[in-house]
Protein backbone atom coordinates (compact mmCIF):
# COMPACT_ATOMS: atom_id res chain seq x y z
CA MET A 1 -65.14 10.27 7.90
CA ILE A 2 -63.52 6.56 7.66
CA HIS A 3 -59.90 6.75 9.32
CA ALA A 4 -57.66 4.39 8.38
CA ALA A 5 -56.31 1.85 10.76
CA MET A 6 -52.40 2.60 11.76
CA PRO A 7 -50.09 -0.38 10.99
CA ARG A 8 -49.91 -2.30 14.25
CA ARG A 9 -45.47 -2.69 14.63
CA ARG A 10 -44.02 -6.27 15.02
CA PHE A 11 -42.21 -7.19 17.87
CA ASN A 12 -38.81 -8.19 17.05
CA ALA A 13 -36.95 -10.16 19.85
CA ALA A 14 -33.52 -10.09 17.66
CA THR A 15 -33.45 -5.61 17.87
CA PHE A 16 -35.54 -5.49 21.34
CA ARG A 17 -33.51 -3.79 23.88
CA PRO A 18 -35.44 -3.73 27.11
CA PRO A 19 -33.85 -0.68 29.39
CA PRO A 20 -31.49 -1.04 31.52
CA ALA A 21 -32.74 -2.39 35.24
CA ASP A 22 -31.19 0.18 36.98
CA GLY A 23 -32.48 3.07 35.03
CA VAL A 24 -29.16 3.73 33.99
CA SER A 25 -27.79 4.38 29.97
CA SER A 26 -25.39 2.00 28.80
CA ALA A 27 -23.80 4.83 26.41
CA PHE A 28 -20.17 5.98 27.06
CA THR A 29 -19.43 9.30 29.18
CA LEU A 30 -17.29 11.88 28.04
CA VAL A 31 -15.28 10.78 30.76
CA GLU A 32 -14.46 7.42 29.30
CA LEU A 33 -14.24 8.55 25.56
CA LEU A 34 -11.53 10.85 26.41
CA VAL A 35 -10.17 7.89 28.33
CA VAL A 36 -10.02 6.08 24.84
CA ILE A 37 -8.98 9.25 23.03
CA ALA A 38 -6.11 9.60 24.73
CA VAL A 39 -4.99 5.89 25.21
CA LEU A 40 -5.18 5.82 21.32
CA ALA A 41 -3.08 9.27 21.23
CA LEU A 42 -0.62 7.83 23.75
CA LEU A 43 -0.36 4.64 21.05
CA LEU A 44 0.18 6.56 17.94
CA ALA A 45 3.04 8.57 19.83
CA ILE A 46 4.72 5.35 20.87
CA LEU A 47 4.07 3.24 17.48
CA GLY A 48 4.78 6.57 15.31
CA PRO A 49 8.51 6.58 14.66
CA SER A 50 8.40 2.59 14.47
CA LEU A 51 5.88 3.05 11.62
CA LYS A 52 7.42 5.61 9.70
CA LYS A 53 10.91 3.98 10.06
CA ALA A 54 9.07 0.68 8.75
CA ARG A 55 7.63 2.78 6.15
CA ASP A 56 11.10 4.14 5.45
CA MET A 57 12.97 0.77 5.22
CA ALA A 58 10.27 -0.66 2.76
CA MET A 59 11.00 2.07 0.37
CA GLU A 60 14.68 1.77 0.49
CA GLY A 61 13.99 -2.01 -0.11
CA ALA A 62 11.69 -0.96 -2.77
CA CYS A 63 14.57 1.04 -4.12
CA LYS A 64 17.08 -1.34 -3.87
CA SER A 65 14.82 -3.79 -5.99
CA ASN A 66 14.61 -1.66 -8.48
CA LEU A 67 18.45 -0.63 -9.32
CA ARG A 68 19.15 -4.77 -8.79
CA LEU A 69 16.16 -4.94 -12.12
CA TRP A 70 18.34 -2.68 -13.42
CA GLY A 71 21.54 -3.97 -13.19
CA ILE A 72 19.96 -7.34 -14.49
CA GLY A 73 18.86 -5.04 -17.72
CA PHE A 74 22.21 -3.89 -18.36
CA LEU A 75 23.86 -7.09 -18.18
CA ALA A 76 21.21 -8.86 -20.88
CA TYR A 77 21.99 -5.93 -23.08
CA ALA A 78 25.52 -6.19 -22.61
CA ALA A 79 25.23 -10.58 -22.94
CA ASP A 80 23.66 -9.36 -26.51
CA HIS A 81 25.97 -7.06 -27.66
CA LYS A 82 29.00 -8.31 -27.08
CA GLY A 83 30.33 -6.87 -23.64
CA PHE A 84 29.30 -3.37 -24.61
CA LEU A 85 26.79 -1.40 -22.44
CA PRO A 86 24.76 1.00 -24.21
CA HIS A 87 25.62 4.86 -24.17
CA PRO A 88 25.12 6.28 -21.09
CA ASP A 89 23.04 9.64 -22.23
CA GLY A 90 19.64 8.79 -24.02
CA GLN A 91 17.75 11.16 -26.03
CA GLU A 92 17.22 13.70 -23.77
CA ARG A 93 20.81 14.99 -23.69
CA GLU A 94 23.12 14.28 -26.97
CA VAL A 95 26.91 14.32 -26.39
CA LYS A 96 29.11 15.26 -29.17
CA GLY A 97 27.02 13.44 -31.96
CA THR A 98 27.51 9.97 -30.11
CA ASP A 99 24.27 9.06 -29.93
CA THR A 100 21.13 9.83 -32.15
CA GLY A 101 18.38 10.48 -29.68
CA ASN A 102 16.92 7.25 -29.17
CA GLU A 103 20.63 4.96 -28.60
CA GLY A 104 21.20 6.14 -24.65
CA TYR A 105 20.55 3.22 -22.00
CA MET A 106 16.71 4.91 -21.49
CA ASP A 107 15.95 3.65 -24.29
CA LEU A 108 17.74 0.36 -25.18
CA VAL A 109 17.99 -0.97 -21.45
CA PRO A 110 13.51 -1.00 -20.47
CA PRO A 111 12.79 -3.80 -22.96
CA TYR A 112 15.37 -5.74 -20.97
CA MET A 113 13.44 -5.31 -18.08
CA GLY A 114 9.83 -5.90 -19.41
CA ASP A 115 8.94 -2.07 -20.32
CA ARG A 116 9.04 0.32 -23.74
CA PRO A 117 11.71 2.87 -24.27
CA ARG A 118 11.66 5.75 -22.25
CA CYS A 119 10.68 7.66 -25.95
CA ASP A 120 7.97 6.04 -26.40
CA TYR A 121 6.59 7.49 -23.44
CA PRO A 122 4.78 11.22 -24.64
CA ALA A 123 6.16 14.31 -23.46
CA GLY A 124 4.38 15.06 -19.84
CA GLN A 125 3.50 11.30 -19.54
CA LYS A 126 7.42 10.37 -18.61
CA PRO A 127 7.10 7.13 -15.92
CA THR A 128 7.29 8.23 -12.77
CA HIS A 129 6.33 4.65 -11.63
CA GLY A 130 8.08 0.53 -11.28
CA PHE A 131 11.59 0.71 -11.71
CA TRP A 132 12.00 4.15 -13.10
CA GLN A 133 11.72 6.22 -9.84
CA CYS A 134 12.70 5.36 -6.04
CA PRO A 135 9.80 5.41 -4.30
CA ALA A 136 11.53 8.25 -1.82
CA ALA A 137 12.14 10.74 -4.48
CA ARG A 138 10.81 13.99 -3.93
CA GLY A 139 10.77 15.97 -7.32
CA VAL A 140 11.28 20.22 -6.27
CA PRO A 141 8.46 22.27 -7.55
CA GLY A 142 7.95 22.06 -11.54
CA LEU A 143 10.42 19.39 -11.83
CA ALA A 144 8.06 16.58 -12.59
CA SER A 145 5.51 19.12 -14.42
CA LYS A 146 8.57 19.10 -17.26
CA PRO A 147 7.95 17.29 -20.71
CA ASN A 148 11.16 15.30 -19.94
CA GLY A 149 9.90 14.27 -16.62
CA TYR A 150 13.07 13.66 -14.41
CA PHE A 151 15.44 11.32 -13.06
CA SER A 152 15.88 10.10 -9.49
CA TYR A 153 18.42 7.34 -10.70
CA ALA A 154 21.21 7.91 -13.03
CA MET A 155 23.82 6.06 -14.90
CA ASN A 156 27.62 6.96 -14.04
CA SER A 157 28.46 9.12 -16.70
CA TYR A 158 32.26 8.36 -16.41
CA LEU A 159 31.87 4.65 -17.78
CA ALA A 160 31.73 6.20 -21.42
CA HIS A 161 34.05 9.70 -20.65
CA ASP A 162 33.79 10.66 -24.43
CA PHE A 163 34.00 14.19 -23.45
CA SER A 164 36.96 16.24 -22.22
CA PHE A 165 35.10 17.41 -18.63
CA GLY A 166 36.71 15.47 -15.91
CA LEU A 167 39.84 14.39 -17.30
CA PRO A 168 42.33 17.44 -16.14
CA TRP A 169 44.86 15.10 -16.37
CA GLY A 170 46.14 15.16 -19.83
CA ALA A 171 43.81 11.87 -20.40
CA ASP A 172 42.06 11.60 -24.16
CA PRO A 173 38.30 11.27 -24.24
CA GLN A 174 37.79 7.59 -23.69
CA PRO A 175 35.34 5.50 -26.04
CA SER A 176 31.56 5.86 -25.98
CA PHE A 177 30.82 2.61 -25.05
CA LEU A 178 32.01 0.88 -22.14
CA PHE A 179 32.93 -2.76 -23.23
CA MET A 180 32.79 -4.88 -20.05
CA GLY A 181 35.58 -6.93 -20.68
CA ARG A 182 38.19 -4.09 -19.98
CA VAL A 183 36.66 -2.79 -16.65
CA ILE A 184 39.35 -3.89 -13.78
CA SER A 185 36.76 -4.09 -10.80
CA PRO A 186 32.96 -4.94 -11.68
CA ALA A 187 32.24 -4.88 -8.01
CA GLN A 188 33.96 -1.62 -7.16
CA THR A 189 32.62 0.67 -10.11
CA ILE A 190 29.30 2.33 -9.96
CA LEU A 191 27.11 1.69 -12.60
CA MET A 192 24.21 3.64 -11.38
CA PHE A 193 23.07 5.67 -8.39
CA GLU A 194 20.57 7.77 -6.83
CA GLN A 195 20.60 11.04 -7.35
CA THR A 196 19.44 14.56 -6.14
CA LEU A 197 16.34 16.15 -7.52
CA ASP A 198 17.21 19.49 -5.71
CA SER A 199 19.72 22.12 -7.20
CA HIS A 200 19.98 23.84 -3.61
CA MET A 201 21.26 19.96 -1.70
CA GLY A 202 22.84 17.18 -3.43
CA TYR A 203 24.88 14.67 -1.60
CA GLY A 204 25.86 16.52 2.18
CA GLY A 205 23.84 19.66 1.11
CA ALA A 206 26.32 20.88 -0.77
CA GLY A 207 24.44 21.84 -4.07
CA GLY A 208 25.56 24.12 -6.62
CA LEU A 209 24.52 21.19 -9.58
CA GLY A 210 22.00 23.24 -11.68
CA SER A 211 21.19 20.67 -13.70
CA ALA A 212 19.55 18.33 -10.78
CA GLY A 213 17.20 15.41 -11.86
CA GLN A 214 17.00 16.60 -15.22
CA TYR A 215 19.20 13.61 -17.18
CA GLY A 216 19.72 10.13 -16.92
CA ALA A 217 23.46 10.17 -16.52
CA GLU A 218 25.30 12.44 -14.00
CA ASP A 219 28.60 12.75 -12.34
CA ALA A 220 29.58 12.76 -8.62
CA ARG A 221 28.31 15.37 -7.94
CA ALA A 222 24.58 14.31 -8.43
CA VAL A 223 24.76 11.88 -5.12
CA THR A 224 21.83 12.35 -2.57
CA GLU A 225 21.03 11.01 0.32
CA ARG A 226 17.58 9.85 0.42
CA HIS A 227 17.43 6.95 2.81
CA ALA A 228 18.55 6.71 6.82
CA HIS A 229 20.40 3.74 7.56
CA THR A 230 21.65 2.05 11.44
CA LEU A 231 22.27 4.99 14.05
CA GLY A 232 20.08 7.22 11.34
CA ASP A 233 23.12 8.46 8.68
CA MET A 234 21.90 9.59 5.29
CA GLY A 235 22.76 7.87 2.45
CA GLY A 236 21.69 6.22 -0.61
CA ASN A 237 21.46 3.21 -2.69
CA VAL A 238 24.18 2.36 -5.57
CA LEU A 239 24.44 -0.21 -8.68
CA TYR A 240 27.43 -1.69 -9.38
CA LEU A 241 28.40 -3.07 -12.64
CA ASP A 242 28.84 -6.63 -11.30
CA GLY A 243 24.82 -6.29 -10.67
CA HIS A 244 25.18 -6.09 -6.69
CA VAL A 245 23.10 -3.29 -4.89
CA ALA A 246 24.85 -1.60 -1.62
CA TRP A 247 23.72 1.75 0.80
CA ARG A 248 26.60 4.21 0.39
CA ASN A 249 27.33 7.48 2.56
CA ASP A 250 30.90 8.32 1.77
CA LEU A 251 31.00 8.40 -1.69
CA TRP A 252 30.87 12.47 -1.54
CA ASP A 253 34.66 14.00 -0.76
CA ASP A 254 34.54 17.53 0.09
CA GLN A 255 38.16 17.81 0.02
CA LEU A 256 38.73 17.53 -3.27
CA LYS A 257 39.26 20.73 -5.14
CA ASN A 258 36.61 20.05 -7.38
CA PRO A 259 34.28 17.64 -5.53
CA ARG A 260 32.77 16.76 -9.32
CA ILE A 261 35.78 15.46 -10.51
CA PRO A 262 36.89 12.05 -8.87
CA LYS A 263 40.67 11.66 -7.88
CA LYS A 264 42.77 9.86 -10.72
CA GLY A 265 42.19 6.20 -10.74
CA GLU A 266 39.36 5.95 -8.72
CA LEU A 267 37.68 2.62 -9.55
CA THR A 268 34.75 3.74 -7.45
CA TRP A 269 34.02 5.94 -10.90
CA PHE A 270 35.96 4.59 -13.37
CA PRO A 271 36.06 1.69 -15.02
CA TYR A 272 39.61 1.70 -15.43
CA PRO A 273 42.54 3.54 -15.02
CA TYR A 274 42.38 6.95 -17.41
């Protein structure tokens, strides 16, 4: 019987590792591994809050950038339409027939921002990315799965107060489309704000907004606290009619008889005294 010769192993100096001279293994001991793990855990405990704060600040910054882009879109639209803003309510809700289902700002402004109208997105595939949503927004269960999606930003519905709610002072409903030239203080009046997505929360945990996150335009009750600031106070970003963005935590007045309705002549919400 002929046996095949076994192939010889060739010596490779590059991979050859001689045994330790003292006979002690170079592998880590259990104690050494535990020390390394303890050091890593300590570093994570020290850096964890800082990393979270950095992440939260990044999301707040991205949210502000989104709102600034909306501001540019609104002002560009107004420049093309003789100084008029689009109606706050879009295809998701009609108000006394003032729009036909595709005339709200959600359809008219995004093309000025490099995107298509919201109505062009199929049901069940409404946008949740980019300038459409705050990156820190977290929807309540079932909200994001609705065919019409959700809204973490809302246009100030008082800008086109063509309905009777919120006008308890005997004032007549206002025009459906706001003329920018009539605004008294563009740097003071809110154009868009971050709205709550949880009907049990709302600003200051007040709750009571059953339509939370379902509409692209809302009143003061929908203001939310989404970003921590300075000493840990919670608040939200706000876009003003002049295009600047600021963090606010003082927009909710729980001393009012109806917190959804701002005080008469309050230029934070109303573009001019009604």
